[in-house]
Amino acid sequence: MSEECKKCCSECRHKERDEKEYKDLIHRLNRIEGQIRGVRGMVEEDRYCVDILTQVSAIQSALNSFNKNLLANHIKSCVVQDIKAGNEDAVDELCGTIQKLMK
């Protein structure tokens, strides 16, 4: 596998993230995981529905924020790199990804 391919490309489906990006993504996911465990606890404790729904809404917001962050990083690195390498299919893939996210 070429060095360029190791970084990011649609053929390999692999990306090496820098430490800051990696830590940020993992931190966000850990927080979301904790929120989900909290909601499970609320269900197990027979908490009031509106309270649970409020927490689920916060989880959805956190996931949306995660997606926006990951998508921005993807555009700035993978998509730009693919376009510079002449792979204009990256734009079609990006459009498809955005459509999926906006459902």
PDB file of N, CA and C in Angstrom:
ATOM      1  N   MET A   1       0.849  -1.171   0.000  1.00  0.00           N
ATOM      2  CA  MET A   1       0.000   0.000   0.000  1.00  0.00           C
ATOM      3  C   MET A   1       0.897   1.236   0.000  1.00  0.00           C
ATOM      4  N   SER A   2       0.583   2.181  -0.878  1.00  0.00           N
ATOM      5  CA  SER A   2       1.397   3.396  -0.974  1.00  0.00           C
ATOM      6  C   SER A   2       1.185   4.274   0.248  1.00  0.00           C
ATOM      7  N   GLU A   3       2.141   5.179   0.494  1.00  0.00           N
ATOM      8  CA  GLU A   3       2.041   6.089   1.636  1.00  0.00           C
ATOM      9  C   GLU A   3       0.802   6.978   1.492  1.00  0.00           C
ATOM     10  N   GLU A   4       0.537   7.427   0.265  1.00  0.00           N
ATOM     11  CA  GLU A   4      -0.642   8.275   0.033  1.00  0.00           C
ATOM     12  C   GLU A   4      -1.921   7.508   0.341  1.00  0.00           C
ATOM     13  N   CYS A   5      -1.936   6.240  -0.036  1.00  0.00           N
ATOM     14  CA  CYS A   5      -3.113   5.405   0.191  1.00  0.00           C
ATOM     15  C   CYS A   5      -3.339   5.175   1.679  1.00  0.00           C
ATOM     16  N   LYS A   6      -2.266   5.098   2.450  1.00  0.00           N
ATOM     17  CA  LYS A   6      -2.402   4.891   3.887  1.00  0.00           C
ATOM     18  C   LYS A   6      -3.110   6.060   4.549  1.00  0.00           C
ATOM     19  N   LYS A   7      -2.863   7.278   4.075  1.00  0.00           N
ATOM     20  CA  LYS A   7      -3.453   8.460   4.702  1.00  0.00           C
ATOM     21  C   LYS A   7      -4.961   8.487   4.537  1.00  0.00           C
ATOM     22  N   CYS A   8      -5.422   8.435   3.304  1.00  0.00           N
ATOM     23  CA  CYS A   8      -6.865   8.497   3.085  1.00  0.00           C
ATOM     24  C   CYS A   8      -7.165   8.351   1.606  1.00  0.00           C
ATOM     25  N   CYS A   9      -8.010   7.429   1.286  1.00  0.00           N
ATOM     26  CA  CYS A   9      -8.512   7.363  -0.085  1.00  0.00           C
ATOM     27  C   CYS A   9      -9.693   6.420  -0.139  1.00  0.00           C
ATOM     28  N   SER A  10     -10.500   6.603  -1.151  1.00  0.00           N
ATOM     29  CA  SER A  10     -11.720   5.813  -1.237  1.00  0.00           C
ATOM     30  C   SER A  10     -11.437   4.364  -1.624  1.00  0.00           C
ATOM     31  N   GLU A  11     -10.296   4.077  -2.243  1.00  0.00           N
ATOM     32  CA  GLU A  11      -9.975   2.701  -2.608  1.00  0.00           C
ATOM     33  C   GLU A  11      -9.687   1.850  -1.375  1.00  0.00           C
ATOM     34  N   CYS A  12      -8.916   2.378  -0.430  1.00  0.00           N
ATOM     35  CA  CYS A  12      -8.476   1.608   0.743  1.00  0.00           C
ATOM     36  C   CYS A  12      -9.457   1.692   1.888  1.00  0.00           C
ATOM     37  N   ARG A  13     -10.191   2.761   1.937  1.00  0.00           N
ATOM     38  CA  ARG A  13     -11.133   3.004   3.024  1.00  0.00           C
ATOM     39  C   ARG A  13     -10.423   3.020   4.370  1.00  0.00           C
ATOM     40  N   HIS A  14      -9.333   3.732   4.436  1.00  0.00           N
ATOM     41  CA  HIS A  14      -8.543   3.820   5.662  1.00  0.00           C
ATOM     42  C   HIS A  14      -7.981   5.222   5.783  1.00  0.00           C
ATOM     43  N   LYS A  15      -7.938   5.723   7.002  1.00  0.00           N
ATOM     44  CA  LYS A  15      -7.352   7.033   7.225  1.00  0.00           C
ATOM     45  C   LYS A  15      -6.596   7.026   8.532  1.00  0.00           C
ATOM     46  N   GLU A  16      -5.384   7.518   8.496  1.00  0.00           N
ATOM     47  CA  GLU A  16      -4.619   7.710   9.718  1.00  0.00           C
ATOM     48  C   GLU A  16      -4.874   9.129  10.195  1.00  0.00           C
ATOM     49  N   ARG A  17      -5.460   9.241  11.368  1.00  0.00           N
ATOM     50  CA  ARG A  17      -5.784  10.554  11.921  1.00  0.00           C
ATOM     51  C   ARG A  17      -4.638  11.043  12.788  1.00  0.00           C
ATOM     52  N   ASP A  18      -4.465  12.367  12.810  1.00  0.00           N
ATOM     53  CA  ASP A  18      -3.450  12.894  13.725  1.00  0.00           C
ATOM     54  C   ASP A  18      -3.975  12.743  15.146  1.00  0.00           C
ATOM     55  N   GLU A  19      -3.080  12.851  16.110  1.00  0.00           N
ATOM     56  CA  GLU A  19      -3.413  12.569  17.504  1.00  0.00           C
ATOM     57  C   GLU A  19      -4.524  13.474  18.029  1.00  0.00           C
ATOM     58  N   LYS A  20      -4.492  14.754  17.657  1.00  0.00           N
ATOM     59  CA  LYS A  20      -5.507  15.693  18.136  1.00  0.00           C
ATOM     60  C   LYS A  20      -6.898  15.307  17.634  1.00  0.00           C
ATOM     61  N   GLU A  21      -7.013  15.010  16.339  1.00  0.00           N
ATOM     62  CA  GLU A  21      -8.304  14.621  15.776  1.00  0.00           C
ATOM     63  C   GLU A  21      -8.792  13.328  16.416  1.00  0.00           C
ATOM     64  N   TYR A  22      -7.902  12.353  16.549  1.00  0.00           N
ATOM     65  CA  TYR A  22      -8.250  11.073  17.144  1.00  0.00           C
ATOM     66  C   TYR A  22      -8.778  11.254  18.570  1.00  0.00           C
ATOM     67  N   LYS A  23      -8.036  12.016  19.387  1.00  0.00           N
ATOM     68  CA  LYS A  23      -8.438  12.222  20.780  1.00  0.00           C
ATOM     69  C   LYS A  23      -9.774  12.942  20.865  1.00  0.00           C
ATOM     70  N   ASP A  24      -9.996  13.921  19.994  1.00  0.00           N
ATOM     71  CA  ASP A  24     -11.261  14.655  19.997  1.00  0.00           C
ATOM     72  C   ASP A  24     -12.428  13.726  19.661  1.00  0.00           C
ATOM     73  N   LEU A  25     -12.278  12.904  18.634  1.00  0.00           N
ATOM     74  CA  LEU A  25     -13.350  11.988  18.241  1.00  0.00           C
ATOM     75  C   LEU A  25     -13.644  10.976  19.342  1.00  0.00           C
ATOM     76  N   ILE A  26     -12.589  10.406  19.928  1.00  0.00           N
ATOM     77  CA  ILE A  26     -12.771   9.419  20.986  1.00  0.00           C
ATOM     78  C   ILE A  26     -13.423  10.063  22.214  1.00  0.00           C
ATOM     79  N   HIS A  27     -12.996  11.284  22.547  1.00  0.00           N
ATOM     80  CA  HIS A  27     -13.588  11.996  23.684  1.00  0.00           C
ATOM     81  C   HIS A  27     -15.086  12.204  23.474  1.00  0.00           C
ATOM     82  N   ARG A  28     -15.454  12.640  22.278  1.00  0.00           N
ATOM     83  CA  ARG A  28     -16.869  12.845  21.969  1.00  0.00           C
ATOM     84  C   ARG A  28     -17.653  11.539  22.078  1.00  0.00           C
ATOM     85  N   LEU A  29     -17.087  10.459  21.529  1.00  0.00           N
ATOM     86  CA  LEU A  29     -17.771   9.166  21.574  1.00  0.00           C
ATOM     87  C   LEU A  29     -17.902   8.651  23.008  1.00  0.00           C
ATOM     88  N   ASN A  30     -16.881   8.857  23.814  1.00  0.00           N
ATOM     89  CA  ASN A  30     -16.961   8.436  25.219  1.00  0.00           C
ATOM     90  C   ASN A  30     -18.075   9.178  25.954  1.00  0.00           C
ATOM     91  N   ARG A  31     -18.202  10.479  25.672  1.00  0.00           N
ATOM     92  CA  ARG A  31     -19.276  11.259  26.303  1.00  0.00           C
ATOM     93  C   ARG A  31     -20.644  10.751  25.862  1.00  0.00           C
ATOM     94  N   ILE A  32     -20.791  10.475  24.567  1.00  0.00           N
ATOM     95  CA  ILE A  32     -22.066   9.969  24.037  1.00  0.00           C
ATOM     96  C   ILE A  32     -22.380   8.607  24.652  1.00  0.00           C
ATOM     97  N   GLU A  33     -21.368   7.763  24.750  1.00  0.00           N
ATOM     98  CA  GLU A  33     -21.556   6.445  25.358  1.00  0.00           C
ATOM     99  C   GLU A  33     -22.037   6.587  26.805  1.00  0.00           C
ATOM    100  N   GLY A  34     -21.459   7.517  27.527  1.00  0.00           N
ATOM    101  CA  GLY A  34     -21.891   7.764  28.894  1.00  0.00           C
ATOM    102  C   GLY A  34     -23.334   8.249  28.965  1.00  0.00           C
ATOM    103  N   GLN A  35     -23.702   9.108  28.030  1.00  0.00           N
ATOM    104  CA  GLN A  35     -25.081   9.598  27.990  1.00  0.00           C
ATOM    105  C   GLN A  35     -26.055   8.448  27.726  1.00  0.00           C
ATOM    106  N   ILE A  36     -25.680   7.543  26.836  1.00  0.00           N
ATOM    107  CA  ILE A  36     -26.544   6.400  26.515  1.00  0.00           C
ATOM    108  C   ILE A  36     -26.691   5.494  27.733  1.00  0.00           C
ATOM    109  N   ARG A  37     -25.588   5.257  28.434  1.00  0.00           N
ATOM    110  CA  ARG A  37     -25.681   4.455  29.668  1.00  0.00           C
ATOM    111  C   ARG A  37     -26.600   5.142  30.690  1.00  0.00           C
ATOM    112  N   GLY A  38     -26.529   6.470  30.726  1.00  0.00           N
ATOM    113  CA  GLY A  38     -27.399   7.217  31.629  1.00  0.00           C
ATOM    114  C   GLY A  38     -28.867   7.046  31.288  1.00  0.00           C
ATOM    115  N   VAL A  39     -29.184   7.056  30.008  1.00  0.00           N
ATOM    116  CA  VAL A  39     -30.576   6.860  29.583  1.00  0.00           C
ATOM    117  C   VAL A  39     -31.034   5.442  29.920  1.00  0.00           C
ATOM    118  N   ARG A  40     -30.154   4.483  29.724  1.00  0.00           N
ATOM    119  CA  ARG A  40     -30.511   3.102  30.085  1.00  0.00           C
ATOM    120  C   ARG A  40     -30.853   3.033  31.577  1.00  0.00           C
ATOM    121  N   GLY A  41     -30.040   3.683  32.381  1.00  0.00           N
ATOM    122  CA  GLY A  41     -30.305   3.716  33.817  1.00  0.00           C
ATOM    123  C   GLY A  41     -31.634   4.373  34.132  1.00  0.00           C
ATOM    124  N   MET A  42     -31.945   5.416  33.395  1.00  0.00           N
ATOM    125  CA  MET A  42     -33.225   6.094  33.600  1.00  0.00           C
ATOM    126  C   MET A  42     -34.395   5.157  33.291  1.00  0.00           C
ATOM    127  N   VAL A  43     -34.270   4.391  32.209  1.00  0.00           N
ATOM    128  CA  VAL A  43     -35.328   3.435  31.846  1.00  0.00           C
ATOM    129  C   VAL A  43     -35.444   2.369  32.928  1.00  0.00           C
ATOM    130  N   GLU A  44     -34.295   1.861  33.375  1.00  0.00           N
ATOM    131  CA  GLU A  44     -34.299   0.825  34.413  1.00  0.00           C
ATOM    132  C   GLU A  44     -34.915   1.334  35.719  1.00  0.00           C
ATOM    133  N   GLU A  45     -34.784   2.627  35.978  1.00  0.00           N
ATOM    134  CA  GLU A  45     -35.328   3.235  37.201  1.00  0.00           C
ATOM    135  C   GLU A  45     -36.758   3.741  37.025  1.00  0.00           C
ATOM    136  N   ASP A  46     -37.346   3.459  35.852  1.00  0.00           N
ATOM    137  CA  ASP A  46     -38.719   3.887  35.556  1.00  0.00           C
ATOM    138  C   ASP A  46     -38.891   5.396  35.679  1.00  0.00           C
ATOM    139  N   ARG A  47     -37.908   6.127  35.177  1.00  0.00           N
ATOM    140  CA  ARG A  47     -37.976   7.593  35.233  1.00  0.00           C
ATOM    141  C   ARG A  47     -39.062   8.116  34.296  1.00  0.00           C
ATOM    142  N   TYR A  48     -39.455   9.331  34.512  1.00  0.00           N
ATOM    143  CA  TYR A  48     -40.511  10.004  33.753  1.00  0.00           C
ATOM    144  C   TYR A  48     -40.114  10.112  32.275  1.00  0.00           C
ATOM    145  N   CYS A  49     -41.068   9.814  31.392  1.00  0.00           N
ATOM    146  CA  CYS A  49     -40.807   9.762  29.943  1.00  0.00           C
ATOM    147  C   CYS A  49     -40.182  11.044  29.402  1.00  0.00           C
ATOM    148  N   VAL A  50     -40.706  12.187  29.815  1.00  0.00           N
ATOM    149  CA  VAL A  50     -40.210  13.462  29.293  1.00  0.00           C
ATOM    150  C   VAL A  50     -38.745  13.660  29.667  1.00  0.00           C
ATOM    151  N   ASP A  51     -38.356  13.239  30.864  1.00  0.00           N
ATOM    152  CA  ASP A  51     -36.955  13.348  31.270  1.00  0.00           C
ATOM    153  C   ASP A  51     -36.060  12.489  30.381  1.00  0.00           C
ATOM    154  N   ILE A  52     -36.529  11.283  30.064  1.00  0.00           N
ATOM    155  CA  ILE A  52     -35.762  10.394  29.182  1.00  0.00           C
ATOM    156  C   ILE A  52     -35.681  10.991  27.784  1.00  0.00           C
ATOM    157  N   LEU A  53     -36.803  11.478  27.276  1.00  0.00           N
ATOM    158  CA  LEU A  53     -36.822  12.078  25.941  1.00  0.00           C
ATOM    159  C   LEU A  53     -35.875  13.272  25.851  1.00  0.00           C
ATOM    160  N   THR A  54     -35.801  14.039  26.906  1.00  0.00           N
ATOM    161  CA  THR A  54     -34.887  15.185  26.939  1.00  0.00           C
ATOM    162  C   THR A  54     -33.438  14.719  26.811  1.00  0.00           C
ATOM    163  N   GLN A  55     -33.100  13.645  27.518  1.00  0.00           N
ATOM    164  CA  GLN A  55     -31.738  13.123  27.436  1.00  0.00           C
ATOM    165  C   GLN A  55     -31.443  12.514  26.060  1.00  0.00           C
ATOM    166  N   VAL A  56     -32.426  11.846  25.477  1.00  0.00           N
ATOM    167  CA  VAL A  56     -32.255  11.283  24.131  1.00  0.00           C
ATOM    168  C   VAL A  56     -32.028  12.404  23.127  1.00  0.00           C
ATOM    169  N   SER A  57     -32.733  13.511  23.288  1.00  0.00           N
ATOM    170  CA  SER A  57     -32.536  14.664  22.419  1.00  0.00           C
ATOM    171  C   SER A  57     -31.108  15.200  22.543  1.00  0.00           C
ATOM    172  N   ALA A  58     -30.581  15.214  23.754  1.00  0.00           N
ATOM    173  CA  ALA A  58     -29.195  15.657  23.965  1.00  0.00           C
ATOM    174  C   ALA A  58     -28.211  14.711  23.287  1.00  0.00           C
ATOM    175  N   ILE A  59     -28.504  13.419  23.306  1.00  0.00           N
ATOM    176  CA  ILE A  59     -27.648  12.432  22.633  1.00  0.00           C
ATOM    177  C   ILE A  59     -27.682  12.654  21.131  1.00  0.00           C
ATOM    178  N   GLN A  60     -28.867  12.892  20.591  1.00  0.00           N
ATOM    179  CA  GLN A  60     -28.979  13.150  19.150  1.00  0.00           C
ATOM    180  C   GLN A  60     -28.179  14.388  18.758  1.00  0.00           C
ATOM    181  N   SER A  61     -28.251  15.406  19.586  1.00  0.00           N
ATOM    182  CA  SER A  61     -27.493  16.629  19.331  1.00  0.00           C
ATOM    183  C   SER A  61     -25.993  16.350  19.360  1.00  0.00           C
ATOM    184  N   ALA A  62     -25.560  15.547  20.329  1.00  0.00           N
ATOM    185  CA  ALA A  62     -24.138  15.194  20.426  1.00  0.00           C
ATOM    186  C   ALA A  62     -23.687  14.382  19.214  1.00  0.00           C
ATOM    187  N   LEU A  63     -24.528  13.474  18.749  1.00  0.00           N
ATOM    188  CA  LEU A  63     -24.195  12.694  17.549  1.00  0.00           C
ATOM    189  C   LEU A  63     -24.141  13.585  16.313  1.00  0.00           C
ATOM    190  N   ASN A  64     -25.061  14.534  16.212  1.00  0.00           N
ATOM    191  CA  ASN A  64     -25.029  15.472  15.089  1.00  0.00           C
ATOM    192  C   ASN A  64     -23.749  16.296  15.106  1.00  0.00           C
ATOM    193  N   SER A  65     -23.340  16.725  16.275  1.00  0.00           N
ATOM    194  CA  SER A  65     -22.102  17.480  16.411  1.00  0.00           C
ATOM    195  C   SER A  65     -20.901  16.621  16.017  1.00  0.00           C
ATOM    196  N   PHE A  66     -20.905  15.354  16.442  1.00  0.00           N
ATOM    197  CA  PHE A  66     -19.848  14.421  16.063  1.00  0.00           C
ATOM    198  C   PHE A  66     -19.784  14.290  14.538  1.00  0.00           C
ATOM    199  N   ASN A  67     -20.954  14.102  13.923  1.00  0.00           N
ATOM    200  CA  ASN A  67     -21.010  13.964  12.458  1.00  0.00           C
ATOM    201  C   ASN A  67     -20.481  15.210  11.753  1.00  0.00           C
ATOM    202  N   LYS A  68     -20.863  16.391  12.229  1.00  0.00           N
ATOM    203  CA  LYS A  68     -20.397  17.637  11.603  1.00  0.00           C
ATOM    204  C   LYS A  68     -18.886  17.748  11.694  1.00  0.00           C
ATOM    205  N   ASN A  69     -18.347  17.407  12.844  1.00  0.00           N
ATOM    206  CA  ASN A  69     -16.902  17.471  13.050  1.00  0.00           C
ATOM    207  C   ASN A  69     -16.182  16.474  12.137  1.00  0.00           C
ATOM    208  N   LEU A  70     -16.666  15.242  12.104  1.00  0.00           N
ATOM    209  CA  LEU A  70     -16.048  14.209  11.276  1.00  0.00           C
ATOM    210  C   LEU A  70     -16.176  14.552   9.791  1.00  0.00           C
ATOM    211  N   LEU A  71     -17.320  15.061   9.390  1.00  0.00           N
ATOM    212  CA  LEU A  71     -17.525  15.435   7.991  1.00  0.00           C
ATOM    213  C   LEU A  71     -16.595  16.569   7.584  1.00  0.00           C
ATOM    214  N   ALA A  72     -16.455  17.571   8.440  1.00  0.00           N
ATOM    215  CA  ALA A  72     -15.544  18.681   8.135  1.00  0.00           C
ATOM    216  C   ALA A  72     -14.110  18.183   7.985  1.00  0.00           C
ATOM    217  N   ASN A  73     -13.681  17.308   8.896  1.00  0.00           N
ATOM    218  CA  ASN A  73     -12.332  16.739   8.785  1.00  0.00           C
ATOM    219  C   ASN A  73     -12.183  15.935   7.500  1.00  0.00           C
ATOM    220  N   HIS A  74     -13.219  15.189   7.145  1.00  0.00           N
ATOM    221  CA  HIS A  74     -13.197  14.381   5.925  1.00  0.00           C
ATOM    222  C   HIS A  74     -13.044  15.264   4.682  1.00  0.00           C
ATOM    223  N   ILE A  75     -13.814  16.332   4.635  1.00  0.00           N
ATOM    224  CA  ILE A  75     -13.749  17.235   3.484  1.00  0.00           C
ATOM    225  C   ILE A  75     -12.367  17.872   3.389  1.00  0.00           C
ATOM    226  N   LYS A  76     -11.850  18.357   4.517  1.00  0.00           N
ATOM    227  CA  LYS A  76     -10.563  19.057   4.526  1.00  0.00           C
ATOM    228  C   LYS A  76      -9.385  18.150   4.213  1.00  0.00           C
ATOM    229  N   SER A  77      -9.535  16.861   4.459  1.00  0.00           N
ATOM    230  CA  SER A  77      -8.405  15.965   4.212  1.00  0.00           C
ATOM    231  C   SER A  77      -8.686  15.013   3.050  1.00  0.00           C
ATOM    232  N   CYS A  78      -9.552  14.064   3.256  1.00  0.00           N
ATOM    233  CA  CYS A  78      -9.793  13.008   2.264  1.00  0.00           C
ATOM    234  C   CYS A  78     -10.301  13.540   0.927  1.00  0.00           C
ATOM    235  N   VAL A  79     -11.341  14.369   0.976  1.00  0.00           N
ATOM    236  CA  VAL A  79     -11.945  14.849  -0.268  1.00  0.00           C
ATOM    237  C   VAL A  79     -10.956  15.733  -1.035  1.00  0.00           C
ATOM    238  N   VAL A  80     -10.320  16.658  -0.333  1.00  0.00           N
ATOM    239  CA  VAL A  80      -9.345  17.537  -0.983  1.00  0.00           C
ATOM    240  C   VAL A  80      -8.221  16.715  -1.592  1.00  0.00           C
ATOM    241  N   GLN A  81      -7.725  15.747  -0.840  1.00  0.00           N
ATOM    242  CA  GLN A  81      -6.626  14.910  -1.339  1.00  0.00           C
ATOM    243  C   GLN A  81      -7.056  14.114  -2.581  1.00  0.00           C
ATOM    244  N   ASP A  82      -8.252  13.541  -2.541  1.00  0.00           N
ATOM    245  CA  ASP A  82      -8.746  12.777  -3.689  1.00  0.00           C
ATOM    246  C   ASP A  82      -8.916  13.667  -4.918  1.00  0.00           C
ATOM    247  N   ILE A  83      -9.448  14.857  -4.745  1.00  0.00           N
ATOM    248  CA  ILE A  83      -9.633  15.764  -5.879  1.00  0.00           C
ATOM    249  C   ILE A  83      -8.282  16.169  -6.458  1.00  0.00           C
ATOM    250  N   LYS A  84      -7.331  16.491  -5.590  1.00  0.00           N
ATOM    251  CA  LYS A  84      -5.989  16.840  -6.067  1.00  0.00           C
ATOM    252  C   LYS A  84      -5.345  15.691  -6.830  1.00  0.00           C
ATOM    253  N   ALA A  85      -5.690  14.444  -6.456  1.00  0.00           N
ATOM    254  CA  ALA A  85      -5.145  13.266  -7.127  1.00  0.00           C
ATOM    255  C   ALA A  85      -5.932  12.925  -8.391  1.00  0.00           C
ATOM    256  N   GLY A  86      -6.950  13.730  -8.703  1.00  0.00           N
ATOM    257  CA  GLY A  86      -7.728  13.513  -9.918  1.00  0.00           C
ATOM    258  C   GLY A  86      -8.930  12.606  -9.746  1.00  0.00           C
ATOM    259  N   ASN A  87      -9.244  12.226  -8.540  1.00  0.00           N
ATOM    260  CA  ASN A  87     -10.387  11.364  -8.276  1.00  0.00           C
ATOM    261  C   ASN A  87     -11.619  12.225  -8.010  1.00  0.00           C
ATOM    262  N   GLU A  88     -12.317  12.575  -9.060  1.00  0.00           N
ATOM    263  CA  GLU A  88     -13.492  13.428  -8.909  1.00  0.00           C
ATOM    264  C   GLU A  88     -14.716  12.649  -8.433  1.00  0.00           C
ATOM    265  N   ASP A  89     -14.615  11.317  -8.354  1.00  0.00           N
ATOM    266  CA  ASP A  89     -15.691  10.515  -7.773  1.00  0.00           C
ATOM    267  C   ASP A  89     -15.878  10.850  -6.298  1.00  0.00           C
ATOM    268  N   ALA A  90     -14.852  11.432  -5.701  1.00  0.00           N
ATOM    269  CA  ALA A  90     -14.923  11.812  -4.289  1.00  0.00           C
ATOM    270  C   ALA A  90     -16.052  12.810  -4.055  1.00  0.00           C
ATOM    271  N   VAL A  91     -16.329  13.651  -5.044  1.00  0.00           N
ATOM    272  CA  VAL A  91     -17.410  14.636  -4.908  1.00  0.00           C
ATOM    273  C   VAL A  91     -18.756  13.922  -4.886  1.00  0.00           C
ATOM    274  N   ASP A  92     -18.928  12.933  -5.760  1.00  0.00           N
ATOM    275  CA  ASP A  92     -20.180  12.168  -5.773  1.00  0.00           C
ATOM    276  C   ASP A  92     -20.367  11.412  -4.461  1.00  0.00           C
ATOM    277  N   GLU A  93     -19.278  10.836  -3.956  1.00  0.00           N
ATOM    278  CA  GLU A  93     -19.351  10.124  -2.684  1.00  0.00           C
ATOM    279  C   GLU A  93     -19.724  11.087  -1.557  1.00  0.00           C
ATOM    280  N   LEU A  94     -19.131  12.276  -1.567  1.00  0.00           N
ATOM    281  CA  LEU A  94     -19.432  13.285  -0.551  1.00  0.00           C
ATOM    282  C   LEU A  94     -20.901  13.689  -0.611  1.00  0.00           C
ATOM    283  N   CYS A  95     -21.408  13.924  -1.809  1.00  0.00           N
ATOM    284  CA  CYS A  95     -22.826  14.299  -1.963  1.00  0.00           C
ATOM    285  C   CYS A  95     -23.738  13.195  -1.437  1.00  0.00           C
ATOM    286  N   GLY A  96     -23.407  11.946  -1.736  1.00  0.00           N
ATOM    287  CA  GLY A  96     -24.192  10.821  -1.229  1.00  0.00           C
ATOM    288  C   GLY A  96     -24.148  10.735   0.285  1.00  0.00           C
ATOM    289  N   THR A  97     -22.981  10.986   0.842  1.00  0.00           N
ATOM    290  CA  THR A  97     -22.829  10.957   2.296  1.00  0.00           C
ATOM    291  C   THR A  97     -23.662  12.049   2.949  1.00  0.00           C
ATOM    292  N   ILE A  98     -23.616  13.247   2.383  1.00  0.00           N
ATOM    293  CA  ILE A  98     -24.394  14.364   2.935  1.00  0.00           C
ATOM    294  C   ILE A  98     -25.892  14.046   2.857  1.00  0.00           C
ATOM    295  N   GLN A  99     -26.340  13.451   1.752  1.00  0.00           N
ATOM    296  CA  GLN A  99     -27.751  13.087   1.627  1.00  0.00           C
ATOM    297  C   GLN A  99     -28.163  12.102   2.701  1.00  0.00           C
ATOM    298  N   LYS A 100     -27.292  11.122   2.998  1.00  0.00           N
ATOM    299  CA  LYS A 100     -27.590  10.139   4.051  1.00  0.00           C
ATOM    300  C   LYS A 100     -27.684  10.811   5.413  1.00  0.00           C
ATOM    301  N   LEU A 101     -26.788  11.750   5.664  1.00  0.00           N
ATOM    302  CA  LEU A 101     -26.766  12.429   6.954  1.00  0.00           C
ATOM    303  C   LEU A 101     -27.980  13.333   7.156  1.00  0.00           C
ATOM    304  N   MET A 102     -28.565  13.796   6.070  1.00  0.00           N
ATOM    305  CA  MET A 102     -29.667  14.753   6.173  1.00  0.00           C
ATOM    306  C   MET A 102     -31.042  14.074   6.211  1.00  0.00           C
ATOM    307  N   LYS A 103     -31.092  12.774   6.299  1.00  0.00           N
ATOM    308  CA  LYS A 103     -32.385  12.072   6.355  1.00  0.00           C
ATOM    309  C   LYS A 103     -33.101  12.394   7.629  1.00  0.00           C
TER     310      LYS A 103
END
